[in-house]
Amino acid sequence: MKKINLFIIFYLFVVSLAAYSLDDWDRAVNIYNQNSYLKAHQVIVTSKTFNDEGVADKNVQQFFNMKYNGKEEPEMIIVKATEDGKDTTERVRKLAKKRVNSVDSSITQKYEGITDHPLNPDFQDRIKRTQRKDKVLKDGYLCTVWDFDFDLNDNYYGKGTAWIDSKSGRAIFIEYGIKPDFPLVRNFTMRLEFDSDGGDSWVTRKLTMKGDFIFLLLNKSFESSTEMLDWQPEEIGNYHFGISDASNLQ
C-alpha cells in the first residue's frame, strides 16, 4: 500500500513539473489549438495605397461570406466591394473568377507557407523563440515579450515579436517582417491581433499587412487589413453576412 501511495505522489509531482514547464508561448499555442475548431464566417478586407508623402490615394473595401462545408479551403463569396466609395461589386466578382482560373502553380508553390500562423502547433518545429527579460504593458495586458524566427518555406522566413498576456497565456499581438524582400515589395510586415469573439473564445480577429513598392518609378506603400468576424464551428457551414447587411457598411 505504501509503495502505491509513493507512486501516486511521485506521479503527481512529475505531472506538476510538466505543467510548470509550460512557458507563455506554449500556453498561447495551446489556446490557439483549443479554439482551432472555430472559423470566421464573415471577412472584411480593407486595402489602401499611399503616395511618397504618406497620403492615401486609393481605398478598397471588400465584404465576404465564408462557406466551409468541410472543404480544405473555404469558398469566399463576395457580398460587396467598393473603391474610393464607388460600388465595384460586379466587376470584382468577374475578376475573381478569372483569377481562380489563371493561377500559376509555380507561383503558389514559391509563396506557400507565407501566411502560416506562428501559433499553429503543427509549425512549432519551424520556430525559434527567445523570451525577453522584462514584461511590458500592451493594450492593458501585462505581457511577456518574445523574439522569434519562423521558417516559412525554402525561400522566406519571418522575424518578429510576440506579446503574450502573462496571466492567461493568451496572445495579444504578433508582428513580424518577412525576408528576403519580395521581387516587387520591400519591408513587408504582418501583424496579428487577437481578441474574444464571445464566451471563452480567443481568436485572430485582425491581420494587417504592410509594405513598400515602386509603381511607375514612384515610391508607394500599402496597408491591407483583414477583419475576421462571426467565429463559429466549421461544421455549421452557414454564413450570415447578407447583402442588405453589407450595403450599410462603408
C-alpha atoms as a PDB file:
ATOM      1  CA  MET A   1       0.000   0.000   0.000  1.00  0.00           C
ATOM      2  CA  LYS A   2       2.847   2.378   0.865  1.00  0.00           C
ATOM      3  CA  LYS A   3       4.503   1.647  -2.479  1.00  0.00           C
ATOM      4  CA  ILE A   4       1.275   2.539  -4.309  1.00  0.00           C
ATOM      5  CA  ASN A   5       0.925   5.778  -2.351  1.00  0.00           C
ATOM      6  CA  LEU A   6       4.528   6.703  -3.039  1.00  0.00           C
ATOM      7  CA  PHE A   7       3.998   6.016  -6.742  1.00  0.00           C
ATOM      8  CA  ILE A   8       0.917   8.258  -6.803  1.00  0.00           C
ATOM      9  CA  ILE A   9       2.820  11.059  -5.058  1.00  0.00           C
ATOM     10  CA  PHE A  10       5.726  10.699  -7.492  1.00  0.00           C
ATOM     11  CA  TYR A  11       3.345  10.694 -10.471  1.00  0.00           C
ATOM     12  CA  LEU A  12       1.574  13.860  -9.290  1.00  0.00           C
ATOM     13  CA  PHE A  13       4.957  15.504  -8.745  1.00  0.00           C
ATOM     14  CA  VAL A  14       6.073  14.716 -12.298  1.00  0.00           C
ATOM     15  CA  VAL A  15       2.769  15.934 -13.729  1.00  0.00           C
ATOM     16  CA  SER A  16       3.053  19.185 -11.778  1.00  0.00           C
ATOM     17  CA  LEU A  17       6.580  19.722 -13.100  1.00  0.00           C
ATOM     18  CA  ALA A  18       5.390  19.174 -16.667  1.00  0.00           C
ATOM     19  CA  ALA A  19       2.609  21.716 -16.201  1.00  0.00           C
ATOM     20  CA  TYR A  20       5.012  24.196 -14.632  1.00  0.00           C
ATOM     21  CA  SER A  21       7.436  23.848 -17.521  1.00  0.00           C
ATOM     22  CA  LEU A  22       4.915  25.319 -19.972  1.00  0.00           C
ATOM     23  CA  ASP A  23       6.023  28.843 -20.791  1.00  0.00           C
ATOM     24  CA  ASP A  24       3.715  31.574 -22.056  1.00  0.00           C
ATOM     25  CA  TRP A  25       4.443  30.768 -25.702  1.00  0.00           C
ATOM     26  CA  ASP A  26       3.409  27.138 -25.117  1.00  0.00           C
ATOM     27  CA  ARG A  27       0.253  28.322 -23.381  1.00  0.00           C
ATOM     28  CA  ALA A  28      -0.571  30.609 -26.322  1.00  0.00           C
ATOM     29  CA  VAL A  29      -0.099  27.683 -28.732  1.00  0.00           C
ATOM     30  CA  ASN A  30      -2.442  25.548 -26.613  1.00  0.00           C
ATOM     31  CA  ILE A  31      -5.097  28.273 -26.578  1.00  0.00           C
ATOM     32  CA  TYR A  32      -4.794  28.678 -30.355  1.00  0.00           C
ATOM     33  CA  ASN A  33      -5.243  24.925 -30.735  1.00  0.00           C
ATOM     34  CA  GLN A  34      -8.226  24.817 -28.363  1.00  0.00           C
ATOM     35  CA  ASN A  35     -10.002  27.418 -30.499  1.00  0.00           C
ATOM     36  CA  SER A  36      -8.994  25.985 -33.875  1.00  0.00           C
ATOM     37  CA  TYR A  37     -12.437  24.415 -34.360  1.00  0.00           C
ATOM     38  CA  LEU A  38     -13.839  27.944 -34.748  1.00  0.00           C
ATOM     39  CA  LYS A  39     -13.828  29.542 -38.203  1.00  0.00           C
ATOM     40  CA  ALA A  40     -14.566  33.109 -39.277  1.00  0.00           C
ATOM     41  CA  HIS A  41     -17.794  33.270 -41.303  1.00  0.00           C
ATOM     42  CA  GLN A  42     -17.515  36.968 -42.171  1.00  0.00           C
ATOM     43  CA  VAL A  43     -14.457  38.761 -43.519  1.00  0.00           C
ATOM     44  CA  ILE A  44     -13.883  42.431 -44.316  1.00  0.00           C
ATOM     45  CA  VAL A  45     -10.761  43.333 -46.309  1.00  0.00           C
ATOM     46  CA  THR A  46      -9.684  46.981 -46.417  1.00  0.00           C
ATOM     47  CA  SER A  47      -6.751  47.859 -48.689  1.00  0.00           C
ATOM     48  CA  LYS A  48      -5.125  51.262 -49.022  1.00  0.00           C
ATOM     49  CA  THR A  49      -2.208  52.589 -51.032  1.00  0.00           C
ATOM     50  CA  PHE A  50      -0.236  55.699 -50.125  1.00  0.00           C
ATOM     51  CA  ASN A  51       1.945  58.114 -52.101  1.00  0.00           C
ATOM     52  CA  ASP A  52       5.506  59.020 -51.114  1.00  0.00           C
ATOM     53  CA  GLU A  53       4.156  61.642 -48.701  1.00  0.00           C
ATOM     54  CA  GLY A  54       2.058  59.076 -46.848  1.00  0.00           C
ATOM     55  CA  VAL A  55      -1.286  60.318 -48.183  1.00  0.00           C
ATOM     56  CA  ALA A  56      -3.831  57.639 -49.129  1.00  0.00           C
ATOM     57  CA  ASP A  57      -4.579  57.651 -52.870  1.00  0.00           C
ATOM     58  CA  LYS A  58      -6.761  54.534 -53.072  1.00  0.00           C
ATOM     59  CA  ASN A  59      -9.141  52.844 -50.638  1.00  0.00           C
ATOM     60  CA  VAL A  60     -10.685  49.483 -51.477  1.00  0.00           C
ATOM     61  CA  GLN A  61     -13.112  47.518 -49.277  1.00  0.00           C
ATOM     62  CA  GLN A  62     -14.453  44.030 -49.866  1.00  0.00           C
ATOM     63  CA  PHE A  63     -17.022  42.126 -47.801  1.00  0.00           C
ATOM     64  CA  PHE A  64     -17.113  38.330 -47.900  1.00  0.00           C
ATOM     65  CA  ASN A  65     -19.201  35.455 -46.634  1.00  0.00           C
ATOM     66  CA  MET A  66     -17.130  32.349 -45.891  1.00  0.00           C
ATOM     67  CA  LYS A  67     -18.645  28.992 -46.792  1.00  0.00           C
ATOM     68  CA  TYR A  68     -16.848  25.892 -45.484  1.00  0.00           C
ATOM     69  CA  ASN A  69     -18.849  22.665 -45.785  1.00  0.00           C
ATOM     70  CA  GLY A  70     -15.832  20.523 -44.932  1.00  0.00           C
ATOM     71  CA  LYS A  71     -13.659  21.939 -47.716  1.00  0.00           C
ATOM     72  CA  GLU A  72      -9.925  22.392 -47.171  1.00  0.00           C
ATOM     73  CA  GLU A  73     -10.176  25.974 -48.404  1.00  0.00           C
ATOM     74  CA  PRO A  74     -13.405  27.919 -47.765  1.00  0.00           C
ATOM     75  CA  GLU A  75     -15.411  29.432 -50.567  1.00  0.00           C
ATOM     76  CA  MET A  76     -15.193  33.225 -50.377  1.00  0.00           C
ATOM     77  CA  ILE A  77     -18.460  34.727 -51.551  1.00  0.00           C
ATOM     78  CA  ILE A  78     -18.198  38.391 -52.463  1.00  0.00           C
ATOM     79  CA  VAL A  79     -21.088  40.331 -50.933  1.00  0.00           C
ATOM     80  CA  LYS A  80     -19.993  43.860 -51.705  1.00  0.00           C
ATOM     81  CA  ALA A  81     -16.928  45.726 -52.980  1.00  0.00           C
ATOM     82  CA  THR A  82     -16.140  49.427 -53.110  1.00  0.00           C
ATOM     83  CA  GLU A  83     -13.259  51.522 -54.438  1.00  0.00           C
ATOM     84  CA  ASP A  84     -12.939  55.057 -53.123  1.00  0.00           C
ATOM     85  CA  GLY A  85     -16.599  54.868 -52.126  1.00  0.00           C
ATOM     86  CA  LYS A  86     -17.891  53.634 -55.506  1.00  0.00           C
ATOM     87  CA  ASP A  87     -19.620  50.261 -55.813  1.00  0.00           C
ATOM     88  CA  THR A  88     -17.456  47.802 -57.772  1.00  0.00           C
ATOM     89  CA  THR A  89     -19.129  44.553 -56.700  1.00  0.00           C
ATOM     90  CA  GLU A  90     -19.921  43.112 -60.145  1.00  0.00           C
ATOM     91  CA  ARG A  91     -16.517  43.999 -61.596  1.00  0.00           C
ATOM     92  CA  VAL A  92     -14.717  42.367 -58.655  1.00  0.00           C
ATOM     93  CA  ARG A  93     -16.831  39.216 -58.980  1.00  0.00           C
ATOM     94  CA  LYS A  94     -15.856  38.870 -62.643  1.00  0.00           C
ATOM     95  CA  LEU A  95     -12.171  39.471 -61.885  1.00  0.00           C
ATOM     96  CA  ALA A  96     -12.254  36.903 -59.073  1.00  0.00           C
ATOM     97  CA  LYS A  97     -13.487  34.193 -61.457  1.00  0.00           C
ATOM     98  CA  LYS A  98     -10.704  34.957 -63.947  1.00  0.00           C
ATOM     99  CA  ARG A  99      -8.026  34.865 -61.249  1.00  0.00           C
ATOM    100  CA  VAL A 100      -9.168  31.472 -59.973  1.00  0.00           C
ATOM    101  CA  ASN A 101      -8.886  30.019 -63.471  1.00  0.00           C
ATOM    102  CA  SER A 102      -5.458  31.549 -64.188  1.00  0.00           C
ATOM    103  CA  VAL A 103      -3.475  30.790 -61.033  1.00  0.00           C
ATOM    104  CA  ASP A 104       0.140  29.819 -61.803  1.00  0.00           C
ATOM    105  CA  SER A 105       1.024  26.761 -59.693  1.00  0.00           C
ATOM    106  CA  SER A 106       4.738  27.658 -59.692  1.00  0.00           C
ATOM    107  CA  ILE A 107       3.921  30.994 -58.046  1.00  0.00           C
ATOM    108  CA  THR A 108       1.707  29.407 -55.392  1.00  0.00           C
ATOM    109  CA  GLN A 109       4.470  26.911 -54.562  1.00  0.00           C
ATOM    110  CA  LYS A 110       7.059  29.681 -54.167  1.00  0.00           C
ATOM    111  CA  TYR A 111       4.908  31.553 -51.651  1.00  0.00           C
ATOM    112  CA  GLU A 112       3.435  28.517 -49.931  1.00  0.00           C
ATOM    113  CA  GLY A 113       3.599  28.903 -46.158  1.00  0.00           C
ATOM    114  CA  ILE A 114       3.863  32.709 -46.198  1.00  0.00           C
ATOM    115  CA  THR A 115       0.631  33.056 -44.213  1.00  0.00           C
ATOM    116  CA  ASP A 116       1.192  30.104 -41.861  1.00  0.00           C
ATOM    117  CA  HIS A 117       0.149  31.041 -38.328  1.00  0.00           C
ATOM    118  CA  PRO A 118       3.054  31.304 -35.828  1.00  0.00           C
ATOM    119  CA  LEU A 119       0.940  29.698 -33.063  1.00  0.00           C
ATOM    120  CA  ASN A 120      -0.200  26.694 -35.066  1.00  0.00           C
ATOM    121  CA  PRO A 121       1.085  23.654 -33.127  1.00  0.00           C
ATOM    122  CA  ASP A 122       1.941  21.906 -36.405  1.00  0.00           C
ATOM    123  CA  PHE A 123       4.552  24.568 -37.216  1.00  0.00           C
ATOM    124  CA  GLN A 124       6.380  24.854 -33.890  1.00  0.00           C
ATOM    125  CA  ASP A 125       9.365  22.864 -35.152  1.00  0.00           C
ATOM    126  CA  ARG A 126       9.959  25.718 -37.628  1.00  0.00           C
ATOM    127  CA  ILE A 127      10.120  28.397 -34.934  1.00  0.00           C
ATOM    128  CA  LYS A 128      12.994  29.535 -32.713  1.00  0.00           C
ATOM    129  CA  ARG A 129      11.900  31.816 -29.871  1.00  0.00           C
ATOM    130  CA  THR A 130      13.523  33.707 -27.018  1.00  0.00           C
ATOM    131  CA  GLN A 131      11.771  35.408 -24.122  1.00  0.00           C
ATOM    132  CA  ARG A 132      12.898  38.889 -23.157  1.00  0.00           C
ATOM    133  CA  LYS A 133      13.720  39.550 -19.519  1.00  0.00           C
ATOM    134  CA  ASP A 134      11.193  42.310 -18.776  1.00  0.00           C
ATOM    135  CA  LYS A 135       7.420  42.296 -19.120  1.00  0.00           C
ATOM    136  CA  VAL A 136       5.630  45.214 -20.792  1.00  0.00           C
ATOM    137  CA  LEU A 137       2.116  46.645 -20.671  1.00  0.00           C
ATOM    138  CA  LYS A 138       0.429  46.136 -24.043  1.00  0.00           C
ATOM    139  CA  ASP A 139      -3.152  47.186 -24.703  1.00  0.00           C
ATOM    140  CA  GLY A 140      -3.934  46.877 -20.989  1.00  0.00           C
ATOM    141  CA  TYR A 141      -2.279  43.457 -20.569  1.00  0.00           C
ATOM    142  CA  LEU A 142       0.972  42.782 -18.728  1.00  0.00           C
ATOM    143  CA  CYS A 143       2.804  40.737 -21.342  1.00  0.00           C
ATOM    144  CA  THR A 144       5.863  38.604 -21.704  1.00  0.00           C
ATOM    145  CA  VAL A 145       7.692  39.558 -24.894  1.00  0.00           C
ATOM    146  CA  TRP A 146       9.111  37.002 -27.315  1.00  0.00           C
ATOM    147  CA  ASP A 147      11.503  37.438 -30.228  1.00  0.00           C
ATOM    148  CA  PHE A 148      11.173  34.678 -32.810  1.00  0.00           C
ATOM    149  CA  ASP A 149      12.340  33.406 -36.182  1.00  0.00           C
ATOM    150  CA  PHE A 150       9.885  31.478 -38.329  1.00  0.00           C
ATOM    151  CA  ASP A 151      10.960  29.340 -41.318  1.00  0.00           C
ATOM    152  CA  LEU A 152       8.060  29.897 -43.719  1.00  0.00           C
ATOM    153  CA  ASN A 153       9.447  27.903 -46.651  1.00  0.00           C
ATOM    154  CA  ASP A 154      12.707  27.344 -48.514  1.00  0.00           C
ATOM    155  CA  ASN A 155      12.655  30.905 -49.843  1.00  0.00           C
ATOM    156  CA  TYR A 156      11.391  33.085 -46.999  1.00  0.00           C
ATOM    157  CA  TYR A 157      11.467  33.419 -43.225  1.00  0.00           C
ATOM    158  CA  GLY A 158       9.711  35.615 -40.681  1.00  0.00           C
ATOM    159  CA  LYS A 159      11.443  37.540 -37.903  1.00  0.00           C
ATOM    160  CA  GLY A 160       9.456  39.385 -35.269  1.00  0.00           C
ATOM    161  CA  THR A 161       7.960  39.816 -31.821  1.00  0.00           C
ATOM    162  CA  ALA A 162       5.021  38.387 -29.909  1.00  0.00           C
ATOM    163  CA  TRP A 163       3.280  39.884 -26.872  1.00  0.00           C
ATOM    164  CA  ILE A 164       1.541  37.291 -24.689  1.00  0.00           C
ATOM    165  CA  ASP A 165      -0.575  38.003 -21.605  1.00  0.00           C
ATOM    166  CA  SER A 166       1.427  36.696 -18.649  1.00  0.00           C
ATOM    167  CA  LYS A 167      -1.736  35.969 -16.645  1.00  0.00           C
ATOM    168  CA  SER A 168      -3.833  33.983 -19.124  1.00  0.00           C
ATOM    169  CA  GLY A 169      -1.262  32.889 -21.707  1.00  0.00           C
ATOM    170  CA  ARG A 170      -3.335  34.452 -24.467  1.00  0.00           C
ATOM    171  CA  ALA A 171      -1.542  36.049 -27.403  1.00  0.00           C
ATOM    172  CA  ILE A 172      -2.315  39.778 -27.690  1.00  0.00           C
ATOM    173  CA  PHE A 173      -0.224  40.866 -30.702  1.00  0.00           C
ATOM    174  CA  ILE A 174       2.232  39.198 -33.038  1.00  0.00           C
ATOM    175  CA  GLU A 175       4.216  41.250 -35.542  1.00  0.00           C
ATOM    176  CA  TYR A 176       6.953  40.104 -37.918  1.00  0.00           C
ATOM    177  CA  GLY A 177       8.693  41.025 -41.120  1.00  0.00           C
ATOM    178  CA  ILE A 178       9.281  38.618 -43.993  1.00  0.00           C
ATOM    179  CA  LYS A 179      12.745  38.286 -45.501  1.00  0.00           C
ATOM    180  CA  PRO A 180      14.224  38.486 -48.056  1.00  0.00           C
ATOM    181  CA  ASP A 181      12.162  41.144 -49.798  1.00  0.00           C
ATOM    182  CA  PHE A 182       9.673  40.011 -52.422  1.00  0.00           C
ATOM    183  CA  PRO A 183      10.548  40.841 -56.055  1.00  0.00           C
ATOM    184  CA  LEU A 184       8.225  43.877 -56.161  1.00  0.00           C
ATOM    185  CA  VAL A 185       7.640  44.576 -52.470  1.00  0.00           C
ATOM    186  CA  ARG A 186      10.034  45.745 -49.751  1.00  0.00           C
ATOM    187  CA  ASN A 187       9.698  45.912 -45.965  1.00  0.00           C
ATOM    188  CA  PHE A 188       6.760  43.507 -45.896  1.00  0.00           C
ATOM    189  CA  THR A 189       5.344  43.048 -42.381  1.00  0.00           C
ATOM    190  CA  MET A 190       2.442  41.126 -40.894  1.00  0.00           C
ATOM    191  CA  ARG A 191       0.602  41.958 -37.694  1.00  0.00           C
ATOM    192  CA  LEU A 192      -1.859  39.639 -35.940  1.00  0.00           C
ATOM    193  CA  GLU A 193      -4.305  40.961 -33.349  1.00  0.00           C
ATOM    194  CA  PHE A 194      -6.244  38.675 -31.013  1.00  0.00           C
ATOM    195  CA  ASP A 195      -9.462  39.050 -29.062  1.00  0.00           C
ATOM    196  CA  SER A 196     -12.527  37.186 -27.860  1.00  0.00           C
ATOM    197  CA  ASP A 197     -15.466  36.618 -30.199  1.00  0.00           C
ATOM    198  CA  GLY A 198     -17.825  35.928 -27.323  1.00  0.00           C
ATOM    199  CA  GLY A 199     -17.720  33.462 -24.449  1.00  0.00           C
ATOM    200  CA  ASP A 200     -14.330  31.921 -23.736  1.00  0.00           C
ATOM    201  CA  SER A 201     -13.153  32.054 -27.348  1.00  0.00           C
ATOM    202  CA  TRP A 202      -9.811  33.655 -28.196  1.00  0.00           C
ATOM    203  CA  VAL A 203      -9.195  34.051 -31.897  1.00  0.00           C
ATOM    204  CA  THR A 204      -7.252  36.019 -34.501  1.00  0.00           C
ATOM    205  CA  ARG A 205      -9.524  38.991 -35.108  1.00  0.00           C
ATOM    206  CA  LYS A 206      -7.364  41.018 -37.472  1.00  0.00           C
ATOM    207  CA  LEU A 207      -4.469  40.511 -39.866  1.00  0.00           C
ATOM    208  CA  THR A 208      -2.679  43.587 -41.205  1.00  0.00           C
ATOM    209  CA  MET A 209      -0.075  43.508 -43.968  1.00  0.00           C
ATOM    210  CA  LYS A 210       2.130  46.483 -44.839  1.00  0.00           C
ATOM    211  CA  GLY A 211       4.895  47.109 -47.333  1.00  0.00           C
ATOM    212  CA  ASP A 212       6.567  49.451 -49.819  1.00  0.00           C
ATOM    213  CA  PHE A 213       6.660  49.151 -53.600  1.00  0.00           C
ATOM    214  CA  ILE A 214       7.559  51.098 -56.709  1.00  0.00           C
ATOM    215  CA  PHE A 215       4.869  51.880 -59.301  1.00  0.00           C
ATOM    216  CA  LEU A 216       5.757  53.788 -62.481  1.00  0.00           C
ATOM    217  CA  LEU A 217       9.017  54.910 -60.850  1.00  0.00           C
ATOM    218  CA  LEU A 218       7.082  56.295 -57.867  1.00  0.00           C
ATOM    219  CA  ASN A 219       7.702  55.140 -54.293  1.00  0.00           C
ATOM    220  CA  LYS A 220       4.451  53.967 -52.763  1.00  0.00           C
ATOM    221  CA  SER A 221       3.294  51.949 -49.779  1.00  0.00           C
ATOM    222  CA  PHE A 222       0.258  49.838 -48.960  1.00  0.00           C
ATOM    223  CA  GLU A 223      -1.691  48.563 -45.979  1.00  0.00           C
ATOM    224  CA  SER A 224      -4.211  45.736 -46.143  1.00  0.00           C
ATOM    225  CA  SER A 225      -6.222  44.696 -43.103  1.00  0.00           C
ATOM    226  CA  THR A 226      -8.434  41.622 -42.875  1.00  0.00           C
ATOM    227  CA  GLU A 227     -11.045  41.634 -40.131  1.00  0.00           C
ATOM    228  CA  MET A 228     -12.360  38.169 -39.241  1.00  0.00           C
ATOM    229  CA  LEU A 229     -15.792  38.100 -37.629  1.00  0.00           C
ATOM    230  CA  ASP A 230     -18.628  35.763 -36.636  1.00  0.00           C
ATOM    231  CA  TRP A 231     -16.479  32.862 -35.432  1.00  0.00           C
ATOM    232  CA  GLN A 232     -18.413  29.593 -35.317  1.00  0.00           C
ATOM    233  CA  PRO A 233     -17.666  25.874 -35.582  1.00  0.00           C
ATOM    234  CA  GLU A 234     -16.774  24.979 -39.158  1.00  0.00           C
ATOM    235  CA  GLU A 235     -19.358  22.200 -39.432  1.00  0.00           C
ATOM    236  CA  ILE A 236     -22.212  24.719 -39.147  1.00  0.00           C
ATOM    237  CA  GLY A 237     -21.367  25.623 -42.722  1.00  0.00           C
ATOM    238  CA  ASN A 238     -23.611  28.682 -42.888  1.00  0.00           C
ATOM    239  CA  TYR A 239     -22.824  32.324 -43.404  1.00  0.00           C
ATOM    240  CA  HIS A 240     -24.687  35.402 -42.289  1.00  0.00           C
ATOM    241  CA  PHE A 241     -23.274  38.488 -43.988  1.00  0.00           C
ATOM    242  CA  GLY A 242     -26.333  39.301 -46.093  1.00  0.00           C
ATOM    243  CA  ILE A 243     -26.259  41.791 -48.939  1.00  0.00           C
ATOM    244  CA  SER A 244     -28.646  44.013 -47.009  1.00  0.00           C
ATOM    245  CA  ASP A 245     -26.238  43.998 -44.069  1.00  0.00           C
ATOM    246  CA  ALA A 246     -23.213  44.884 -46.156  1.00  0.00           C
ATOM    247  CA  SER A 247     -24.972  47.665 -48.035  1.00  0.00           C
ATOM    248  CA  ASN A 248     -24.746  49.857 -44.967  1.00  0.00           C
ATOM    249  CA  LEU A 249     -21.053  49.189 -44.334  1.00  0.00           C
ATOM    250  CA  GLN A 250     -18.558  51.680 -45.698  1.00  0.00           C
END
